[in-house]
C-alpha atoms as a PDB file:
ATOM      1  CA  MET A   1     188.394 -20.368-104.069  1.00  0.00           C
ATOM      2  CA  THR A   2     186.823 -20.180-100.624  1.00  0.00           C
ATOM      3  CA  ILE A   3     185.603 -23.360 -98.971  1.00  0.00           C
ATOM      4  CA  GLU A   4     183.034 -23.098 -96.194  1.00  0.00           C
ATOM      5  CA  VAL A   5     182.169 -26.074 -93.990  1.00  0.00           C
ATOM      6  CA  ARG A   6     178.675 -26.208 -92.480  1.00  0.00           C
ATOM      7  CA  PRO A   7     176.595 -28.761 -90.543  1.00  0.00           C
ATOM      8  CA  ALA A   8     174.919 -31.244 -92.901  1.00  0.00           C
ATOM      9  CA  SER A   9     171.356 -30.109 -92.336  1.00  0.00           C
ATOM     10  CA  ALA A  10     170.469 -29.541 -96.023  1.00  0.00           C
ATOM     11  CA  PHE A  11     169.195 -32.930 -97.185  1.00  0.00           C
ATOM     12  CA  GLU A  12     169.380 -32.161-100.925  1.00  0.00           C
ATOM     13  CA  ASP A  13     173.051 -31.241-100.535  1.00  0.00           C
ATOM     14  CA  VAL A  14     173.748 -34.450 -98.599  1.00  0.00           C
ATOM     15  CA  ARG A  15     171.925 -36.375-101.338  1.00  0.00           C
ATOM     16  CA  ALA A  16     174.167 -34.754-103.975  1.00  0.00           C
ATOM     17  CA  LEU A  17     177.248 -36.090-102.196  1.00  0.00           C
ATOM     18  CA  VAL A  18     176.317 -39.493-100.756  1.00  0.00           C
ATOM     19  CA  GLY A  19     172.995 -40.406-102.324  1.00  0.00           C
ATOM     20  CA  PRO A  20     173.061 -43.131-104.974  1.00  0.00           C
ATOM     21  CA  LYS A  21     172.344 -42.292-108.611  1.00  0.00           C
ATOM     22  CA  SER A  22     169.345 -44.634-108.594  1.00  0.00           C
ATOM     23  CA  PRO A  23     166.683 -43.882-105.937  1.00  0.00           C
ATOM     24  CA  GLY A  24     166.004 -47.610-105.583  1.00  0.00           C
ATOM     25  CA  ALA A  25     169.618 -48.449-104.719  1.00  0.00           C
ATOM     26  CA  THR A  26     170.395 -50.058-101.388  1.00  0.00           C
ATOM     27  CA  VAL A  27     173.890 -48.652-101.010  1.00  0.00           C
ATOM     28  CA  CYS A  28     175.712 -45.644 -99.648  1.00  0.00           C
ATOM     29  CA  TRP A  29     173.973 -42.713 -97.982  1.00  0.00           C
ATOM     30  CA  CYS A  30     176.899 -43.194 -95.567  1.00  0.00           C
ATOM     31  CA  LEU A  31     174.740 -45.386 -93.329  1.00  0.00           C
ATOM     32  CA  SER A  32     176.682 -48.638 -92.987  1.00  0.00           C
ATOM     33  CA  TYR A  33     178.695 -47.490 -89.960  1.00  0.00           C
ATOM     34  CA  ARG A  34     175.908 -45.340 -88.541  1.00  0.00           C
ATOM     35  CA  LEU A  35     173.283 -48.068 -88.193  1.00  0.00           C
ATOM     36  CA  PRO A  36     173.112 -51.477 -86.569  1.00  0.00           C
ATOM     37  CA  SER A  37     173.655 -54.111 -89.262  1.00  0.00           C
ATOM     38  CA  LYS A  38     170.065 -55.385 -89.130  1.00  0.00           C
ATOM     39  CA  LEU A  39     168.539 -51.937 -89.683  1.00  0.00           C
ATOM     40  CA  ASN A  40     171.111 -51.124 -92.375  1.00  0.00           C
ATOM     41  CA  ASN A  41     170.075 -54.278 -94.256  1.00  0.00           C
ATOM     42  CA  GLU A  42     166.350 -53.597 -93.784  1.00  0.00           C
ATOM     43  CA  LEU A  43     166.441 -50.051 -95.166  1.00  0.00           C
ATOM     44  CA  ARG A  44     165.940 -50.409 -98.906  1.00  0.00           C
ATOM     45  CA  GLY A  45     165.708 -47.921-101.747  1.00  0.00           C
ATOM     46  CA  PRO A  46     163.892 -44.681-100.909  1.00  0.00           C
ATOM     47  CA  ALA A  47     163.667 -45.636 -97.207  1.00  0.00           C
ATOM     48  CA  ARG A  48     167.419 -45.052 -96.941  1.00  0.00           C
ATOM     49  CA  GLY A  49     167.070 -41.502 -98.226  1.00  0.00           C
ATOM     50  CA  GLU A  50     164.103 -40.883 -95.932  1.00  0.00           C
ATOM     51  CA  TYR A  51     166.192 -42.031 -92.973  1.00  0.00           C
ATOM     52  CA  VAL A  52     168.994 -39.635 -93.917  1.00  0.00           C
ATOM     53  CA  ALA A  53     166.473 -36.795 -94.366  1.00  0.00           C
ATOM     54  CA  GLY A  54     165.447 -37.404 -90.753  1.00  0.00           C
ATOM     55  CA  LEU A  55     169.085 -37.270 -89.652  1.00  0.00           C
ATOM     56  CA  CYS A  56     169.491 -33.938 -91.436  1.00  0.00           C
ATOM     57  CA  ARG A  57     166.509 -32.531 -89.506  1.00  0.00           C
ATOM     58  CA  ALA A  58     167.838 -33.750 -86.151  1.00  0.00           C
ATOM     59  CA  GLU A  59     169.281 -31.424 -83.531  1.00  0.00           C
ATOM     60  CA  VAL A  60     172.719 -32.858 -84.330  1.00  0.00           C
ATOM     61  CA  PRO A  61     173.033 -33.349 -88.110  1.00  0.00           C
ATOM     62  CA  PRO A  62     174.869 -36.442 -89.438  1.00  0.00           C
ATOM     63  CA  GLY A  63     178.100 -34.641 -90.332  1.00  0.00           C
ATOM     64  CA  VAL A  64     179.384 -31.655 -92.251  1.00  0.00           C
ATOM     65  CA  LEU A  65     179.338 -30.428 -95.837  1.00  0.00           C
ATOM     66  CA  ALA A  66     181.935 -28.367 -97.664  1.00  0.00           C
ATOM     67  CA  TYR A  67     180.708 -25.684-100.039  1.00  0.00           C
ATOM     68  CA  GLU A  68     182.428 -23.809-102.809  1.00  0.00           C
ATOM     69  CA  GLY A  69     180.118 -20.822-103.017  1.00  0.00           C
ATOM     70  CA  GLU A  70     176.690 -22.426-102.710  1.00  0.00           C
ATOM     71  CA  GLU A  71     177.699 -25.700-104.398  1.00  0.00           C
ATOM     72  CA  PRO A  72     178.133 -28.690-102.074  1.00  0.00           C
ATOM     73  CA  VAL A  73     181.519 -30.228-102.914  1.00  0.00           C
ATOM     74  CA  GLY A  74     182.396 -32.427 -99.935  1.00  0.00           C
ATOM     75  CA  TRP A  75     180.992 -34.511 -97.085  1.00  0.00           C
ATOM     76  CA  ALA A  76     182.347 -35.822 -93.798  1.00  0.00           C
ATOM     77  CA  ALA A  77     180.445 -38.164 -91.469  1.00  0.00           C
ATOM     78  CA  VAL A  78     181.046 -37.525 -87.779  1.00  0.00           C
ATOM     79  CA  ALA A  79     179.061 -38.629 -84.733  1.00  0.00           C
ATOM     80  CA  PRO A  80     179.544 -39.922 -81.205  1.00  0.00           C
ATOM     81  CA  ARG A  81     181.223 -43.325 -81.433  1.00  0.00           C
ATOM     82  CA  ALA A  82     178.547 -44.700 -79.100  1.00  0.00           C
ATOM     83  CA  ASP A  83     175.991 -44.004 -81.861  1.00  0.00           C
ATOM     84  CA  THR A  84     177.926 -45.917 -84.526  1.00  0.00           C
ATOM     85  CA  ALA A  85     178.920 -49.468 -85.393  1.00  0.00           C
ATOM     86  CA  PHE A  86     182.436 -48.590 -84.183  1.00  0.00           C
ATOM     87  CA  ALA A  87     181.106 -48.885 -80.622  1.00  0.00           C
ATOM     88  CA  ARG A  88     180.636 -52.615 -81.245  1.00  0.00           C
ATOM     89  CA  SER A  89     183.513 -53.222 -83.640  1.00  0.00           C
ATOM     90  CA  ARG A  90     185.723 -56.269 -83.248  1.00  0.00           C
ATOM     91  CA  VAL A  91     188.315 -54.935 -85.695  1.00  0.00           C
ATOM     92  CA  ILE A  92     188.662 -51.307 -84.549  1.00  0.00           C
ATOM     93  CA  PRO A  93     189.695 -51.279 -80.886  1.00  0.00           C
ATOM     94  CA  ARG A  94     188.393 -49.052 -78.132  1.00  0.00           C
ATOM     95  CA  VAL A  95     191.343 -47.122 -76.680  1.00  0.00           C
ATOM     96  CA  ASP A  96     189.608 -45.947 -73.499  1.00  0.00           C
ATOM     97  CA  GLU A  97     186.174 -45.144 -72.115  1.00  0.00           C
ATOM     98  CA  LEU A  98     186.071 -41.476 -73.153  1.00  0.00           C
ATOM     99  CA  PRO A  99     182.911 -40.477 -75.077  1.00  0.00           C
ATOM    100  CA  VAL A 100     184.862 -39.965 -78.310  1.00  0.00           C
ATOM    101  CA  TRP A 101     183.394 -38.946 -81.639  1.00  0.00           C
ATOM    102  CA  SER A 102     184.137 -40.944 -84.787  1.00  0.00           C
ATOM    103  CA  LEU A 103     185.014 -39.386 -88.150  1.00  0.00           C
ATOM    104  CA  TRP A 104     184.730 -42.192 -90.689  1.00  0.00           C
ATOM    105  CA  CYS A 105     183.939 -40.847 -94.124  1.00  0.00           C
ATOM    106  CA  VAL A 106     185.460 -37.997 -96.114  1.00  0.00           C
ATOM    107  CA  ARG A 107     184.193 -37.585 -99.663  1.00  0.00           C
ATOM    108  CA  VAL A 108     185.020 -34.915-102.232  1.00  0.00           C
ATOM    109  CA  ARG A 109     183.055 -34.665-105.471  1.00  0.00           C
ATOM    110  CA  PRO A 110     184.853 -35.474-108.719  1.00  0.00           C
ATOM    111  CA  GLY A 111     186.050 -32.296-110.359  1.00  0.00           C
ATOM    112  CA  HIS A 112     186.784 -30.699-106.985  1.00  0.00           C
ATOM    113  CA  ARG A 113     189.597 -32.918-105.769  1.00  0.00           C
ATOM    114  CA  ARG A 114     193.132 -31.717-105.072  1.00  0.00           C
ATOM    115  CA  LYS A 115     191.900 -28.343-103.850  1.00  0.00           C
ATOM    116  CA  GLY A 116     192.325 -28.933-100.094  1.00  0.00           C
ATOM    117  CA  ILE A 117     188.663 -29.757 -99.554  1.00  0.00           C
ATOM    118  CA  SER A 118     189.373 -32.954 -97.599  1.00  0.00           C
ATOM    119  CA  HIS A 119     191.570 -30.921 -95.233  1.00  0.00           C
ATOM    120  CA  ALA A 120     188.761 -28.387 -94.772  1.00  0.00           C
ATOM    121  CA  LEU A 121     186.293 -31.226 -94.146  1.00  0.00           C
ATOM    122  CA  ILE A 122     188.488 -32.818 -91.476  1.00  0.00           C
ATOM    123  CA  ALA A 123     188.957 -29.458 -89.736  1.00  0.00           C
ATOM    124  CA  GLY A 124     185.232 -28.713 -90.029  1.00  0.00           C
ATOM    125  CA  ALA A 125     184.248 -32.114 -88.644  1.00  0.00           C
ATOM    126  CA  VAL A 126     186.603 -31.624 -85.699  1.00  0.00           C
ATOM    127  CA  GLU A 127     185.106 -28.194 -84.981  1.00  0.00           C
ATOM    128  CA  PHE A 128     181.570 -29.624 -85.315  1.00  0.00           C
ATOM    129  CA  ALA A 129     182.407 -32.299 -82.723  1.00  0.00           C
ATOM    130  CA  ARG A 130     184.218 -29.804 -80.444  1.00  0.00           C
ATOM    131  CA  GLU A 131     181.186 -27.486 -80.429  1.00  0.00           C
ATOM    132  CA  ARG A 132     179.061 -30.427 -79.287  1.00  0.00           C
ATOM    133  CA  GLY A 133     181.344 -31.356 -76.393  1.00  0.00           C
ATOM    134  CA  ALA A 134     183.532 -34.091 -77.886  1.00  0.00           C
ATOM    135  CA  PRO A 135     186.654 -34.610 -75.758  1.00  0.00           C
ATOM    136  CA  VAL A 136     188.396 -36.574 -78.526  1.00  0.00           C
ATOM    137  CA  VAL A 137     187.790 -37.229 -82.231  1.00  0.00           C
ATOM    138  CA  GLU A 138     188.851 -40.570 -83.688  1.00  0.00           C
ATOM    139  CA  ALA A 139     189.331 -41.499 -87.328  1.00  0.00           C
ATOM    140  CA  TYR A 140     190.098 -44.862 -88.936  1.00  0.00           C
ATOM    141  CA  PRO A 141     191.987 -43.980 -92.129  1.00  0.00           C
ATOM    142  CA  ILE A 142     193.881 -46.170 -94.531  1.00  0.00           C
ATOM    143  CA  ASP A 143     197.631 -46.435 -93.988  1.00  0.00           C
ATOM    144  CA  SER A 144     198.670 -47.007 -97.588  1.00  0.00           C
ATOM    145  CA  GLY A 145     202.358 -46.332 -97.068  1.00  0.00           C
ATOM    146  CA  GLY A 146     202.171 -43.829 -99.909  1.00  0.00           C
ATOM    147  CA  ASP A 147     200.636 -46.259-102.420  1.00  0.00           C
ATOM    148  CA  ARG A 148     197.711 -45.040-104.517  1.00  0.00           C
ATOM    149  CA  ILE A 149     194.252 -45.975-103.279  1.00  0.00           C
ATOM    150  CA  ASP A 150     191.154 -46.713-105.338  1.00  0.00           C
ATOM    151  CA  LEU A 151     189.039 -43.561-104.948  1.00  0.00           C
ATOM    152  CA  THR A 152     185.847 -45.501-104.259  1.00  0.00           C
ATOM    153  CA  MET A 153     187.516 -46.990-101.177  1.00  0.00           C
ATOM    154  CA  ALA A 154     189.313 -43.832-100.066  1.00  0.00           C
ATOM    155  CA  TYR A 155     186.260 -42.628 -98.116  1.00  0.00           C
ATOM    156  CA  ALA A 156     187.962 -43.585 -94.835  1.00  0.00           C
ATOM    157  CA  GLY A 157     190.627 -40.992 -95.542  1.00  0.00           C
ATOM    158  CA  ILE A 158     194.348 -41.461 -95.594  1.00  0.00           C
ATOM    159  CA  ARG A 159     196.652 -41.367 -92.626  1.00  0.00           C
ATOM    160  CA  LYS A 160     198.808 -38.446 -93.781  1.00  0.00           C
ATOM    161  CA  ASN A 161     195.781 -36.140 -94.088  1.00  0.00           C
ATOM    162  CA  PHE A 162     194.809 -36.845 -90.495  1.00  0.00           C
ATOM    163  CA  GLU A 163     198.402 -36.377 -89.337  1.00  0.00           C
ATOM    164  CA  ARG A 164     198.410 -32.957 -91.041  1.00  0.00           C
ATOM    165  CA  ALA A 165     195.282 -32.120 -89.036  1.00  0.00           C
ATOM    166  CA  GLY A 166     197.029 -32.970 -85.752  1.00  0.00           C
ATOM    167  CA  PHE A 167     195.703 -36.498 -85.244  1.00  0.00           C
ATOM    168  CA  VAL A 168     198.139 -39.006 -83.767  1.00  0.00           C
ATOM    169  CA  HIS A 169     198.355 -42.773 -84.176  1.00  0.00           C
ATOM    170  CA  ALA A 170     196.613 -44.326 -81.167  1.00  0.00           C
ATOM    171  CA  ALA A 171     196.323 -47.990 -82.175  1.00  0.00           C
ATOM    172  CA  ASP A 172     196.620 -50.442 -84.995  1.00  0.00           C
ATOM    173  CA  THR A 173     193.458 -52.233 -86.104  1.00  0.00           C
ATOM    174  CA  THR A 174     192.714 -55.523 -87.810  1.00  0.00           C
ATOM    175  CA  SER A 175     190.525 -53.695 -90.338  1.00  0.00           C
ATOM    176  CA  VAL A 176     191.671 -53.692 -93.964  1.00  0.00           C
ATOM    177  CA  LEU A 177     190.222 -51.522 -96.715  1.00  0.00           C
ATOM    178  CA  ALA A 178     191.258 -51.565-100.372  1.00  0.00           C
ATOM    179  CA  GLY A 179     194.028 -54.007 -99.445  1.00  0.00           C
ATOM    180  CA  HIS A 180     195.589 -51.639 -96.912  1.00  0.00           C
ATOM    181  CA  PRO A 181     195.462 -51.625 -93.113  1.00  0.00           C
ATOM    182  CA  ARG A 182     193.422 -49.023 -91.296  1.00  0.00           C
ATOM    183  CA  VAL A 183     194.829 -47.309 -88.214  1.00  0.00           C
ATOM    184  CA  LEU A 184     193.089 -45.603 -85.329  1.00  0.00           C
ATOM    185  CA  MET A 185     194.054 -41.920 -85.219  1.00  0.00           C
ATOM    186  CA  ARG A 186     192.985 -39.525 -82.454  1.00  0.00           C
ATOM    187  CA  LEU A 187     192.860 -35.805 -81.846  1.00  0.00           C
ATOM    188  CA  ASP A 188     192.502 -34.820 -78.194  1.00  0.00           C
ATOM    189  CA  LEU A 189     190.316 -31.724 -77.819  1.00  0.00           C
ATOM    190  CA  ARG A 190     190.619 -31.383 -74.034  1.00  0.00           C
END
């Protein structure tokens, strides 16, 4: 099995991974950390998908997709922190003033898990950010201490996967997801 990671510029493939089953749904599309809260709450139903379609057409797509052959099997959201809710977060600290990029969502389709796709997505997201001048990539994974995590809440990733990718613990946070603390992990690209 060969996994290829590409910029997320194919809207239909992004839809297959993060679009809701019902077009009228007001959830997911991986927008909650990308948008200011007010705009996130205003975008309803099909407007959310239309917004993401615009992101996919932008010069810098909203993240990366993993493909097994031509089938999209994974998604990772990555963008400059300044363009995300993490720039204003009260629970995830700012370590310094570097123009870091945030990697906040890693999703692998059911039926494709446990094949190393999340590792390929993390590496692909890092390369995507590096190619666009990121000096540092941050992630905010769950530190579960080895406990199992509900898969619907595992989108933030788990600490050990980021450690395997070379990220180091930079700070604790006051953010909790699925009953577990999140930590701030960084990979310096300078």
